[in-house]
Amino acid sequence: MITMKFEEALQKLEEIVERLERGDISLDESLEIFEEGIKLSRLCTKQLEEAEQRVELLLGIRDGKPETAPFQVNEVLAENYENPD
């Protein structure tokens, strides 16, 4: 299993997408980095899901009452792609 920070994995995934979109690499190399991209995508998804659970846990105790606030992963991803800093 790949172990790296979310930001590192996302950056590497973006680089893979750029390379695949350029189309200037062989089929074999494309398949190899596509496989790596899938692994990175799964890692990012897992880390986002874990972060979502942490947010819900952290919000779970407020004024002595259990509360949860849904964390929308898709909205965060959309914002990052629309406004990359």
C-alpha atoms as a PDB file:
ATOM      1  CA  MET A   1       0.000   0.000   0.000  1.00  0.00           C
ATOM      2  CA  ILE A   2       1.221   3.472  -0.862  1.00  0.00           C
ATOM      3  CA  THR A   3       1.827   5.737   2.127  1.00  0.00           C
ATOM      4  CA  MET A   4       2.045   9.462   1.519  1.00  0.00           C
ATOM      5  CA  LYS A   5       0.283  12.622   2.521  1.00  0.00           C
ATOM      6  CA  PHE A   6      -2.921  13.538   0.711  1.00  0.00           C
ATOM      7  CA  GLU A   7      -1.392  16.618  -0.900  1.00  0.00           C
ATOM      8  CA  GLU A   8       1.571  14.636  -2.222  1.00  0.00           C
ATOM      9  CA  ALA A   9      -0.675  11.918  -3.622  1.00  0.00           C
ATOM     10  CA  LEU A  10      -2.990  14.460  -5.253  1.00  0.00           C
ATOM     11  CA  GLN A  11      -0.052  16.317  -6.824  1.00  0.00           C
ATOM     12  CA  LYS A  12       1.379  13.074  -8.197  1.00  0.00           C
ATOM     13  CA  LEU A  13      -2.059  12.091  -9.501  1.00  0.00           C
ATOM     14  CA  GLU A  14      -2.398  15.448 -11.278  1.00  0.00           C
ATOM     15  CA  GLU A  15       1.028  14.928 -12.880  1.00  0.00           C
ATOM     16  CA  ILE A  16      -0.052  11.490 -14.101  1.00  0.00           C
ATOM     17  CA  VAL A  17      -3.236  12.922 -15.608  1.00  0.00           C
ATOM     18  CA  GLU A  18      -1.212  15.603 -17.416  1.00  0.00           C
ATOM     19  CA  ARG A  19       1.181  12.989 -18.831  1.00  0.00           C
ATOM     20  CA  LEU A  20      -1.669  10.797 -20.012  1.00  0.00           C
ATOM     21  CA  GLU A  21      -3.483  13.758 -21.578  1.00  0.00           C
ATOM     22  CA  ARG A  22      -0.362  14.795 -23.519  1.00  0.00           C
ATOM     23  CA  GLY A  23      -0.352  11.375 -25.159  1.00  0.00           C
ATOM     24  CA  ASP A  24       3.388  11.407 -25.881  1.00  0.00           C
ATOM     25  CA  ILE A  25       4.222   8.152 -24.080  1.00  0.00           C
ATOM     26  CA  SER A  26       4.012   4.528 -25.139  1.00  0.00           C
ATOM     27  CA  LEU A  27       1.006   2.336 -24.489  1.00  0.00           C
ATOM     28  CA  ASP A  28       2.954   0.236 -21.986  1.00  0.00           C
ATOM     29  CA  GLU A  29       4.096   3.305 -20.062  1.00  0.00           C
ATOM     30  CA  SER A  30       0.566   4.726 -20.215  1.00  0.00           C
ATOM     31  CA  LEU A  31      -0.835   1.557 -18.673  1.00  0.00           C
ATOM     32  CA  GLU A  32       1.856   1.552 -16.006  1.00  0.00           C
ATOM     33  CA  ILE A  33       1.232   5.119 -14.884  1.00  0.00           C
ATOM     34  CA  PHE A  34      -2.549   4.655 -15.237  1.00  0.00           C
ATOM     35  CA  GLU A  35      -2.298   1.801 -12.730  1.00  0.00           C
ATOM     36  CA  GLU A  36      -0.284   4.038 -10.408  1.00  0.00           C
ATOM     37  CA  GLY A  37      -2.921   6.741 -10.842  1.00  0.00           C
ATOM     38  CA  ILE A  38      -5.697   4.355  -9.838  1.00  0.00           C
ATOM     39  CA  LYS A  39      -3.790   3.439  -6.673  1.00  0.00           C
ATOM     40  CA  LEU A  40      -3.237   7.114  -5.869  1.00  0.00           C
ATOM     41  CA  SER A  41      -6.891   7.897  -6.523  1.00  0.00           C
ATOM     42  CA  ARG A  42      -7.954   5.165  -4.118  1.00  0.00           C
ATOM     43  CA  LEU A  43      -5.474   6.440  -1.532  1.00  0.00           C
ATOM     44  CA  CYS A  44      -6.824   9.995  -1.841  1.00  0.00           C
ATOM     45  CA  THR A  45     -10.406   8.764  -1.579  1.00  0.00           C
ATOM     46  CA  LYS A  46      -9.570   6.724   1.521  1.00  0.00           C
ATOM     47  CA  GLN A  47      -7.816   9.669   3.160  1.00  0.00           C
ATOM     48  CA  LEU A  48     -10.734  11.986   2.364  1.00  0.00           C
ATOM     49  CA  GLU A  49     -13.193   9.489   3.830  1.00  0.00           C
ATOM     50  CA  GLU A  50     -11.066   9.239   6.986  1.00  0.00           C
ATOM     51  CA  ALA A  51     -10.921  13.035   7.217  1.00  0.00           C
ATOM     52  CA  GLU A  52     -14.702  13.163   6.809  1.00  0.00           C
ATOM     53  CA  GLN A  53     -15.110  10.738   9.702  1.00  0.00           C
ATOM     54  CA  ARG A  54     -12.752  12.818  11.849  1.00  0.00           C
ATOM     55  CA  VAL A  55     -14.714  15.989  11.097  1.00  0.00           C
ATOM     56  CA  GLU A  56     -17.941  14.264  12.062  1.00  0.00           C
ATOM     57  CA  LEU A  57     -16.344  12.978  15.266  1.00  0.00           C
ATOM     58  CA  LEU A  58     -14.931  16.383  16.139  1.00  0.00           C
ATOM     59  CA  LEU A  59     -18.322  17.978  15.607  1.00  0.00           C
ATOM     60  CA  GLY A  60     -19.977  15.153  17.506  1.00  0.00           C
ATOM     61  CA  ILE A  61     -19.648  16.771  20.927  1.00  0.00           C
ATOM     62  CA  ARG A  62     -21.027  20.262  21.012  1.00  0.00           C
ATOM     63  CA  ASP A  63     -22.699  21.677  24.090  1.00  0.00           C
ATOM     64  CA  GLY A  64     -22.859  18.145  25.431  1.00  0.00           C
ATOM     65  CA  LYS A  65     -25.125  17.058  22.585  1.00  0.00           C
ATOM     66  CA  PRO A  66     -24.098  14.729  19.784  1.00  0.00           C
ATOM     67  CA  GLU A  67     -24.062  16.541  16.474  1.00  0.00           C
ATOM     68  CA  THR A  68     -22.765  15.704  13.070  1.00  0.00           C
ATOM     69  CA  ALA A  69     -22.333  17.924  10.085  1.00  0.00           C
ATOM     70  CA  PRO A  70     -21.885  16.162   6.766  1.00  0.00           C
ATOM     71  CA  PHE A  71     -18.639  16.922   5.021  1.00  0.00           C
ATOM     72  CA  GLN A  72     -19.139  16.900   1.268  1.00  0.00           C
ATOM     73  CA  VAL A  73     -15.985  15.531  -0.347  1.00  0.00           C
ATOM     74  CA  ASN A  74     -17.211  16.248  -3.877  1.00  0.00           C
ATOM     75  CA  GLU A  75     -17.814  19.918  -3.065  1.00  0.00           C
ATOM     76  CA  VAL A  76     -14.293  20.285  -1.666  1.00  0.00           C
ATOM     77  CA  LEU A  77     -12.765  18.612  -4.717  1.00  0.00           C
ATOM     78  CA  ALA A  78     -14.816  20.790  -7.069  1.00  0.00           C
ATOM     79  CA  GLU A  79     -13.682  23.936  -5.250  1.00  0.00           C
ATOM     80  CA  ASN A  80     -10.034  22.857  -5.461  1.00  0.00           C
ATOM     81  CA  TYR A  81     -10.232  22.260  -9.197  1.00  0.00           C
ATOM     82  CA  GLU A  82     -12.090  25.521  -9.842  1.00  0.00           C
ATOM     83  CA  ASN A  83      -9.790  27.614  -7.641  1.00  0.00           C
ATOM     84  CA  PRO A  84      -6.361  25.937  -7.518  1.00  0.00           C
ATOM     85  CA  ASP A  85      -4.163  28.154  -5.364  1.00  0.00           C
END
